Amino acid sequence: MTRRGAHNAAESPETLPPLALYIHVPWCVRKCPYCDFNSHALGASQQPPETAYVAALLADLDGDLALVQGRKVVSIFIGGGTPSLLSAEAYARLFAGLRERLRFADDIEITLEANPGTFEQARFEGYRRVGINRLSMGVQSFHAAQLEALGRIHSGEEAVSAMVQARRAGFDNINLDLMHGLPGQTPALALADIEQALTLDPSHLSWYQLTLEPNTEFFSHPPTLPDEEHLWDIQDAGHALIESAGLRRYEISAYARPERQARHNLNYWRFGDYLGIGAGAHGKLTMPAPDNGFGIERRWKTRQPEAYLRRANDPRGFIAGRQRLEPEALALEFSMNALRLVDGVAIEDWQNHTGRALSELESRLHDARARGLLEVSESRFQATPQGLLFLNDLLVSIDEA
């Protein structure tokens, strides 16, 4: 039975930001030493409890439905962990339940993160059949030494094969994730990874530098990474190489062919709303405020997979925490997303989302412009190429305004 319902007129969907759905699958075969996501190693011989997890995901969504009735979902992103550890049959049950509860946009983008390993490749056709229409493959590198250093369990050859198999399965919208600044990686090796990726003709390329995040093995036991001079060389040459192949940079670490930008990610950067279901998933929702306006709430779910599964029968539900964004926090919250975009943000949009006039930031923006971090025109403002490299410095200017 459908769980859709009428939306209160005061909360008309037309007055709210676009709505997306993020689904988290927390298991992987092996935890990578650089990964700070909520992922939990199963080992090669274990299978995730997919029947129980799908039921828990739908129960989790049921707890949030009252907040989004009447709104269409424009994109779905299934991240992890390794979502391709779940079978196509599990996703068929999940999507049947999602369609009973939510309205999907006619042109909805549905992305699944996938491991390029042989086991996952065998499932691509089933994923496409259940409605997933975009794959994001975590290649990271095509070179054996770098893959080993990163703890990846696929080979460069398997990554190439995965692209072939994905296209045979009917996927024509595929992102490849590549990393640079890796242990033992020279500029030549980093550019060779890009060249190999480009021969596979992805519609989207995410290319980002390895960072040592807290609570990771690499943070506790740092590997030897390329020096700063080599990192600058890699970035300059890599950007030029990717764009020469016809993929335009539209976000700090993202490049796409025309009309192939990741719509789900664009919704994040443009401060859209999103539900988050699954162990440790985060969401952001615009909801009515007591003054008949709207407020923004961030909420997150129980993190540990075992505890999350137990919450399916717990009257407390899946919520682990929630936070209302105070009006004074909106300028930074919106800017730290919107200024990741190469084209920046329209001044009108910034003012509508933050409730502030840009003129209030004039003295701080003048400083950012003087330092070469920001460009401001009559209608929009955006980070310069230098500002994209030092985005945190630019955000400090806005936060202190």
Protein backbone atom coordinates (compact mmCIF):
# COMPACT_ATOMS: atom_id res chain seq x y z
CA MET A 1 0.00 0.00 0.00
CA THR A 2 1.37 3.41 -0.86
CA ARG A 3 2.50 5.65 1.98
CA ARG A 4 2.31 8.92 0.06
CA GLY A 5 0.17 11.65 1.53
CA ALA A 6 -1.01 15.19 1.02
CA HIS A 7 1.45 17.96 1.75
CA ASN A 8 0.34 20.84 3.92
CA ALA A 9 -0.26 23.92 1.78
CA ALA A 10 2.04 25.97 4.00
CA GLU A 11 4.79 23.49 3.15
CA SER A 12 4.21 23.40 -0.60
CA PRO A 13 6.90 21.35 -2.36
CA GLU A 14 7.30 24.13 -4.92
CA THR A 15 8.70 26.43 -2.20
CA LEU A 16 11.32 23.94 -1.00
CA PRO A 17 14.73 22.95 -2.37
CA PRO A 18 15.08 19.79 -4.50
CA LEU A 19 15.03 16.56 -2.49
CA ALA A 20 17.51 13.69 -2.87
CA LEU A 21 17.99 10.38 -1.05
CA TYR A 22 21.28 8.99 0.25
CA ILE A 23 21.46 5.30 1.18
CA HIS A 24 24.45 3.99 3.12
CA VAL A 25 25.69 0.39 2.92
CA PRO A 26 28.31 0.07 5.68
CA TRP A 27 30.13 -3.13 4.77
CA CYS A 28 33.25 -3.75 2.71
CA VAL A 29 35.54 -6.73 2.22
CA ARG A 30 38.50 -4.93 3.76
CA LYS A 31 38.88 -1.50 5.34
CA CYS A 32 41.24 0.68 3.30
CA PRO A 33 43.93 2.43 5.38
CA TYR A 34 42.97 5.91 4.09
CA CYS A 35 39.19 5.53 4.54
CA ASP A 36 37.39 7.56 7.21
CA PHE A 37 33.88 6.64 6.07
CA ASN A 38 31.54 4.52 8.15
CA SER A 39 32.68 1.20 6.68
CA HIS A 40 33.13 -2.14 8.42
CA ALA A 41 35.17 -5.07 7.08
CA LEU A 42 33.36 -8.35 6.57
CA GLY A 43 36.24 -10.38 5.20
CA ALA A 44 36.23 -12.24 1.91
CA SER A 45 34.14 -15.17 3.14
CA GLN A 46 31.22 -13.35 4.79
CA GLN A 47 28.10 -11.91 3.19
CA PRO A 48 26.20 -8.87 4.50
CA PRO A 49 22.79 -9.55 6.08
CA GLU A 50 21.04 -8.04 3.10
CA THR A 51 17.48 -9.20 3.82
CA ALA A 52 17.53 -7.72 7.32
CA TYR A 53 19.31 -4.60 6.11
CA VAL A 54 16.81 -3.86 3.34
CA ALA A 55 13.98 -4.21 5.87
CA ALA A 56 15.81 -1.86 8.24
CA LEU A 57 16.37 0.72 5.47
CA LEU A 58 12.68 0.81 4.67
CA ALA A 59 11.75 1.06 8.34
CA ASP A 60 14.28 3.90 8.65
CA LEU A 61 12.66 5.70 5.72
CA ASP A 62 9.22 5.23 7.26
CA GLY A 63 10.40 7.27 10.23
CA ASP A 64 11.29 10.20 7.96
CA LEU A 65 8.39 10.10 5.53
CA ALA A 66 6.18 12.58 7.35
CA LEU A 67 8.85 15.22 6.73
CA VAL A 68 8.83 14.93 2.93
CA GLN A 69 5.33 13.95 1.84
CA GLY A 70 4.40 15.35 -1.55
CA ARG A 71 7.99 16.02 -2.63
CA LYS A 72 9.62 14.26 -5.57
CA VAL A 73 13.04 12.65 -5.20
CA VAL A 74 15.35 13.93 -7.95
CA SER A 75 18.33 11.64 -7.26
CA ILE A 76 19.42 8.65 -5.22
CA PHE A 77 23.01 7.83 -4.28
CA ILE A 78 23.94 4.47 -2.75
CA GLY A 79 27.32 4.83 -1.03
CA GLY A 80 29.43 2.91 1.42
CA GLY A 81 31.32 0.84 2.31
CA THR A 82 30.90 -1.20 -0.83
CA PRO A 83 27.27 -1.14 -2.00
CA SER A 84 28.04 -3.67 -4.75
CA LEU A 85 28.35 -6.32 -2.03
CA LEU A 86 24.53 -6.40 -2.03
CA SER A 87 22.86 -8.48 -4.73
CA ALA A 88 20.61 -7.19 -7.48
CA GLU A 89 17.77 -9.09 -5.80
CA ALA A 90 18.30 -7.09 -2.61
CA TYR A 91 18.14 -3.84 -4.58
CA ALA A 92 15.00 -5.02 -6.36
CA ARG A 93 13.30 -5.43 -2.97
CA LEU A 94 14.66 -2.11 -1.79
CA PHE A 95 13.49 -0.16 -4.84
CA ALA A 96 10.06 -1.76 -4.74
CA GLY A 97 9.75 -0.45 -1.18
CA LEU A 98 11.13 2.97 -2.09
CA ARG A 99 8.65 3.41 -4.92
CA GLU A 100 5.78 2.55 -2.59
CA ARG A 101 6.86 5.31 -0.22
CA LEU A 102 8.34 8.06 -2.40
CA ARG A 103 7.60 9.91 -5.62
CA PHE A 104 10.47 9.55 -8.11
CA ALA A 105 11.16 12.30 -10.64
CA ASP A 106 10.69 11.05 -14.21
CA ASP A 107 14.37 11.62 -14.98
CA ILE A 108 15.70 10.49 -11.60
CA GLU A 109 19.45 9.81 -11.38
CA ILE A 110 20.22 6.64 -9.37
CA THR A 111 23.90 6.04 -8.63
CA LEU A 112 25.53 2.97 -7.10
CA GLU A 113 29.12 2.97 -5.87
CA ALA A 114 30.80 -0.19 -7.11
CA ASN A 115 34.07 -1.99 -6.59
CA PRO A 116 35.73 -2.83 -9.94
CA GLY A 117 36.47 -6.40 -8.77
CA THR A 118 35.39 -9.40 -10.82
CA PHE A 119 32.73 -10.47 -8.29
CA GLU A 120 30.91 -7.14 -8.53
CA GLN A 121 31.14 -7.02 -12.33
CA ALA A 122 28.96 -10.11 -12.57
CA ARG A 123 26.14 -8.11 -10.93
CA PHE A 124 26.12 -5.07 -13.21
CA GLU A 125 23.36 -6.33 -15.51
CA GLY A 126 21.09 -7.03 -12.53
CA TYR A 127 21.73 -3.57 -11.10
CA ARG A 128 20.78 -1.94 -14.38
CA ARG A 129 17.63 -4.05 -14.60
CA VAL A 130 16.31 -2.85 -11.22
CA GLY A 131 16.61 0.81 -12.23
CA ILE A 132 20.11 1.90 -11.24
CA ASN A 133 21.25 4.11 -14.12
CA ARG A 134 24.65 5.43 -13.02
CA LEU A 135 27.74 3.67 -11.64
CA SER A 136 30.56 5.25 -9.66
CA MET A 137 33.59 2.97 -9.64
CA GLY A 138 36.36 3.35 -7.07
CA VAL A 139 39.39 2.71 -9.26
CA GLN A 140 41.83 5.08 -7.41
CA SER A 141 44.80 3.90 -9.54
CA PHE A 142 45.64 1.46 -12.31
CA HIS A 143 49.13 0.70 -10.95
CA ALA A 144 49.72 -2.36 -8.79
CA ALA A 145 52.12 -0.71 -6.33
CA GLN A 146 49.73 2.16 -5.59
CA LEU A 147 46.69 -0.13 -5.34
CA GLU A 148 48.56 -2.31 -2.86
CA ALA A 149 49.61 0.73 -0.82
CA LEU A 150 45.98 1.87 -0.68
CA GLY A 151 44.76 -1.55 0.42
CA ARG A 152 42.59 -1.98 -2.67
CA ILE A 153 41.57 -5.52 -3.58
CA HIS A 154 41.18 -5.09 -7.35
CA SER A 155 43.82 -4.86 -10.08
CA GLY A 156 44.25 -2.30 -12.81
CA GLU A 157 43.21 -4.93 -15.33
CA GLU A 158 39.99 -5.57 -13.42
CA ALA A 159 39.24 -1.86 -13.43
CA VAL A 160 39.52 -1.79 -17.23
CA SER A 161 37.35 -4.90 -17.48
CA ALA A 162 34.75 -3.35 -15.17
CA MET A 163 34.18 -0.47 -17.59
CA VAL A 164 33.71 -2.93 -20.46
CA GLN A 165 31.27 -5.03 -18.44
CA ALA A 166 29.34 -2.00 -17.22
CA ARG A 167 28.75 -0.81 -20.77
CA ARG A 168 27.69 -4.27 -21.87
CA ALA A 169 25.17 -4.21 -19.00
CA GLY A 170 23.66 -1.02 -20.43
CA PHE A 171 25.32 1.72 -18.35
CA ASP A 172 26.17 4.83 -20.34
CA ASN A 173 26.70 7.14 -17.34
CA ILE A 174 29.79 6.05 -15.41
CA ASN A 175 32.04 7.90 -13.00
CA LEU A 176 35.59 6.82 -12.26
CA ASP A 177 37.21 7.78 -8.94
CA LEU A 178 40.94 8.45 -9.19
CA MET A 179 43.32 9.59 -6.46
CA HIS A 180 46.69 11.30 -6.73
CA GLY A 181 49.48 12.12 -4.31
CA LEU A 182 49.73 8.42 -3.47
CA PRO A 183 52.59 6.60 -1.71
CA GLY A 184 55.41 6.06 -4.20
CA GLN A 185 53.59 7.93 -6.96
CA THR A 186 55.62 10.11 -9.31
CA PRO A 187 54.05 12.80 -11.50
CA ALA A 188 54.50 10.45 -14.48
CA LEU A 189 52.58 7.67 -12.74
CA ALA A 190 49.79 10.04 -11.71
CA LEU A 191 49.38 11.30 -15.28
CA ALA A 192 49.50 7.73 -16.60
CA ASP A 193 46.52 6.91 -14.37
CA ILE A 194 44.58 9.81 -15.92
CA GLU A 195 45.56 8.76 -19.44
CA GLN A 196 44.40 5.21 -18.78
CA ALA A 197 41.11 6.46 -17.35
CA LEU A 198 40.52 8.72 -20.35
CA THR A 199 40.99 5.82 -22.79
CA LEU A 200 37.95 4.24 -21.09
CA ASP A 201 35.86 7.31 -21.97
CA PRO A 202 34.03 7.87 -18.67
CA SER A 203 31.21 10.40 -18.64
CA HIS A 204 32.45 11.71 -15.29
CA LEU A 205 35.80 11.71 -13.50
CA SER A 206 36.40 12.41 -9.82
CA TRP A 207 40.10 13.19 -9.31
CA TYR A 208 41.26 14.14 -5.86
CA GLN A 209 44.36 14.19 -3.72
CA LEU A 210 44.91 11.65 -0.97
CA THR A 211 44.55 13.28 2.44
CA LEU A 212 45.41 11.70 5.78
CA GLU A 213 42.18 11.81 7.75
CA PRO A 214 41.90 11.30 11.54
CA ASN A 215 40.80 7.87 12.72
CA THR A 216 42.46 6.09 9.80
CA GLU A 217 45.44 3.78 9.67
CA PHE A 218 47.30 6.22 7.44
CA PHE A 219 46.80 8.99 10.00
CA SER A 220 48.25 6.82 12.77
CA HIS A 221 51.06 5.46 10.59
CA PRO A 222 51.60 7.99 7.78
CA PRO A 223 53.05 6.64 4.54
CA THR A 224 55.69 8.55 2.60
CA LEU A 225 53.87 10.79 0.14
CA PRO A 226 55.11 12.89 -2.80
CA ASP A 227 56.64 16.20 -1.78
CA GLU A 228 54.78 19.46 -2.22
CA GLU A 229 56.56 20.44 -5.43
CA HIS A 230 55.55 17.16 -7.07
CA LEU A 231 51.98 17.58 -5.85
CA TRP A 232 51.71 21.00 -7.52
CA ASP A 233 53.16 19.55 -10.73
CA ILE A 234 50.62 16.71 -10.65
CA GLN A 235 47.69 19.06 -10.07
CA ASP A 236 48.62 21.51 -12.82
CA ALA A 237 49.37 18.87 -15.45
CA GLY A 238 46.44 16.66 -14.41
CA HIS A 239 43.84 19.42 -14.68
CA ALA A 240 45.10 20.34 -18.14
CA LEU A 241 45.14 16.72 -19.32
CA ILE A 242 41.59 15.98 -18.17
CA GLU A 243 40.10 19.13 -19.68
CA SER A 244 41.95 18.57 -22.96
CA ALA A 245 39.93 15.34 -23.27
CA GLY A 246 36.62 17.26 -23.15
CA LEU A 247 35.69 16.78 -19.50
CA ARG A 248 34.97 20.16 -17.94
CA ARG A 249 35.84 20.82 -14.33
CA TYR A 250 32.68 21.94 -12.52
CA GLU A 251 33.60 21.28 -8.88
CA ILE A 252 36.88 21.19 -6.97
CA SER A 253 37.52 17.51 -7.73
CA ALA A 254 34.91 16.68 -10.39
CA TYR A 255 34.96 16.75 -14.20
CA ALA A 256 32.16 15.82 -16.57
CA ARG A 257 31.13 15.65 -20.17
CA PRO A 258 28.27 17.99 -21.18
CA GLU A 259 25.04 17.22 -19.26
CA ARG A 260 26.80 14.49 -17.24
CA GLN A 261 27.51 16.36 -14.02
CA ALA A 262 26.55 14.31 -10.96
CA ARG A 263 23.09 15.68 -10.20
CA HIS A 264 23.09 14.18 -6.72
CA ASN A 265 26.33 15.94 -5.83
CA LEU A 266 25.18 19.18 -7.41
CA ASN A 267 22.18 19.06 -5.10
CA TYR A 268 24.59 18.95 -2.14
CA TRP A 269 26.67 21.86 -3.41
CA ARG A 270 23.58 23.93 -4.17
CA PHE A 271 22.27 23.36 -0.64
CA GLY A 272 19.40 21.11 -1.65
CA ASP A 273 17.68 18.77 0.79
CA TYR A 274 18.41 15.09 1.20
CA LEU A 275 17.16 12.22 3.28
CA GLY A 276 19.79 9.88 4.69
CA ILE A 277 18.97 6.26 5.50
CA GLY A 278 21.30 3.48 6.56
CA ALA A 279 23.91 3.04 9.27
CA GLY A 280 25.53 6.40 9.98
CA ALA A 281 23.72 8.17 7.13
CA HIS A 282 23.32 11.96 7.35
CA GLY A 283 20.45 14.05 6.03
CA LYS A 284 19.52 17.72 5.67
CA LEU A 285 15.94 18.90 5.50
CA THR A 286 14.21 22.25 5.18
CA MET A 287 11.21 22.23 7.50
CA PRO A 288 8.62 24.68 8.79
CA ALA A 289 9.78 26.91 11.65
CA PRO A 290 7.61 28.34 14.48
CA ASP A 291 7.56 31.79 12.84
CA ASN A 292 5.81 30.33 9.76
CA GLY A 293 9.09 30.42 7.88
CA PHE A 294 11.48 27.54 7.27
CA GLY A 295 14.36 26.12 9.26
CA ILE A 296 17.09 23.66 8.35
CA GLU A 297 17.78 20.53 10.34
CA ARG A 298 20.64 18.10 9.98
CA ARG A 299 20.04 14.59 11.31
CA TRP A 300 22.09 11.42 11.44
CA LYS A 301 21.39 7.77 12.05
CA THR A 302 22.80 5.08 14.33
CA ARG A 303 26.33 4.35 13.13
CA GLN A 304 27.24 0.75 14.06
CA PRO A 305 25.62 -1.78 11.68
CA GLU A 306 24.62 -4.22 14.42
CA ALA A 307 23.04 -1.46 16.51
CA TYR A 308 21.33 -0.07 13.42
CA LEU A 309 19.75 -3.45 12.65
CA ARG A 310 18.49 -3.73 16.23
CA ARG A 311 16.82 -0.32 15.91
CA ALA A 312 14.42 -1.76 13.31
CA ASN A 313 12.32 -3.05 16.23
CA ASP A 314 13.05 -0.19 18.61
CA PRO A 315 10.38 2.46 19.23
CA ARG A 316 13.15 5.08 19.50
CA GLY A 317 13.77 4.66 15.77
CA PHE A 318 17.07 5.14 13.96
CA ILE A 319 17.90 8.77 14.78
CA ALA A 320 21.22 9.16 16.62
CA GLY A 321 21.23 12.95 16.64
CA ARG A 322 19.83 16.09 15.09
CA GLN A 323 20.82 19.74 14.90
CA ARG A 324 18.90 22.82 13.83
CA LEU A 325 21.07 25.27 11.93
CA GLU A 326 21.02 28.68 13.55
CA PRO A 327 20.45 31.61 11.16
CA GLU A 328 23.93 32.99 11.84
CA ALA A 329 25.47 29.70 10.67
CA LEU A 330 23.80 29.75 7.26
CA ALA A 331 26.33 32.00 5.52
CA LEU A 332 29.18 29.58 6.20
CA GLU A 333 27.09 26.44 5.71
CA PHE A 334 25.83 27.57 2.32
CA SER A 335 29.15 29.01 1.16
CA MET A 336 31.22 25.96 2.05
CA ASN A 337 29.06 24.01 -0.39
CA ALA A 338 28.33 26.52 -3.14
CA LEU A 339 31.89 27.82 -3.45
CA ARG A 340 33.14 24.31 -4.28
CA LEU A 341 31.51 24.86 -7.67
CA VAL A 342 33.79 26.32 -10.33
CA ASP A 343 31.00 28.64 -11.51
CA GLY A 344 30.31 29.77 -7.96
CA VAL A 345 26.89 31.00 -6.92
CA ALA A 346 24.43 33.68 -7.97
CA ILE A 347 24.35 36.51 -5.44
CA GLU A 348 20.54 36.29 -5.38
CA ASP A 349 20.73 32.59 -4.45
CA TRP A 350 23.29 33.29 -1.72
CA GLN A 351 21.08 35.98 -0.21
CA ASN A 352 17.93 33.82 -0.44
CA HIS A 353 19.60 30.86 1.29
CA THR A 354 21.41 32.79 4.00
CA GLY A 355 18.95 35.58 4.73
CA ARG A 356 21.79 38.11 4.51
CA ALA A 357 22.79 40.75 2.01
CA LEU A 358 26.15 40.18 0.40
CA SER A 359 27.02 43.78 1.19
CA GLU A 360 27.30 42.74 4.86
CA LEU A 361 30.44 40.83 3.91
CA GLU A 362 31.96 43.64 1.88
CA SER A 363 35.08 44.27 3.96
CA ARG A 364 35.94 40.57 4.23
CA LEU A 365 35.23 39.91 0.56
CA HIS A 366 37.49 42.81 -0.34
CA ASP A 367 40.29 41.06 1.54
CA ALA A 368 39.58 37.75 -0.23
CA ARG A 369 39.62 39.50 -3.61
CA ALA A 370 42.87 41.25 -2.78
CA ARG A 371 44.44 37.88 -1.97
CA GLY A 372 43.29 36.46 -5.31
CA LEU A 373 40.84 33.98 -3.77
CA LEU A 374 37.53 35.40 -4.97
CA GLU A 375 35.91 37.00 -7.98
CA VAL A 376 32.71 39.08 -7.59
CA SER A 377 30.54 40.40 -10.44
CA GLU A 378 27.18 42.15 -10.44
CA SER A 379 25.28 38.87 -10.41
CA ARG A 380 27.49 36.15 -8.88
CA PHE A 381 30.63 35.38 -6.96
CA GLN A 382 33.01 32.45 -7.23
CA ALA A 383 36.32 31.14 -6.03
CA THR A 384 39.26 31.80 -8.32
CA PRO A 385 41.47 28.83 -9.31
CA GLN A 386 43.66 29.88 -6.38
CA GLY A 387 40.59 30.11 -4.15
CA LEU A 388 39.59 26.54 -5.06
CA LEU A 389 43.03 25.38 -3.94
CA PHE A 390 42.74 27.30 -0.66
CA LEU A 391 39.01 27.09 -0.09
CA ASN A 392 39.35 26.91 3.70
CA ASP A 393 41.11 30.28 3.72
CA LEU A 394 38.32 31.76 1.64
CA LEU A 395 35.66 30.33 3.95
CA VAL A 396 37.38 31.87 6.98
CA SER A 397 36.79 35.26 5.37
CA ILE A 398 33.08 34.58 5.09
CA ASP A 399 32.78 32.98 8.53
CA GLU A 400 34.37 35.98 10.24
CA ALA A 401 32.27 38.53 8.41
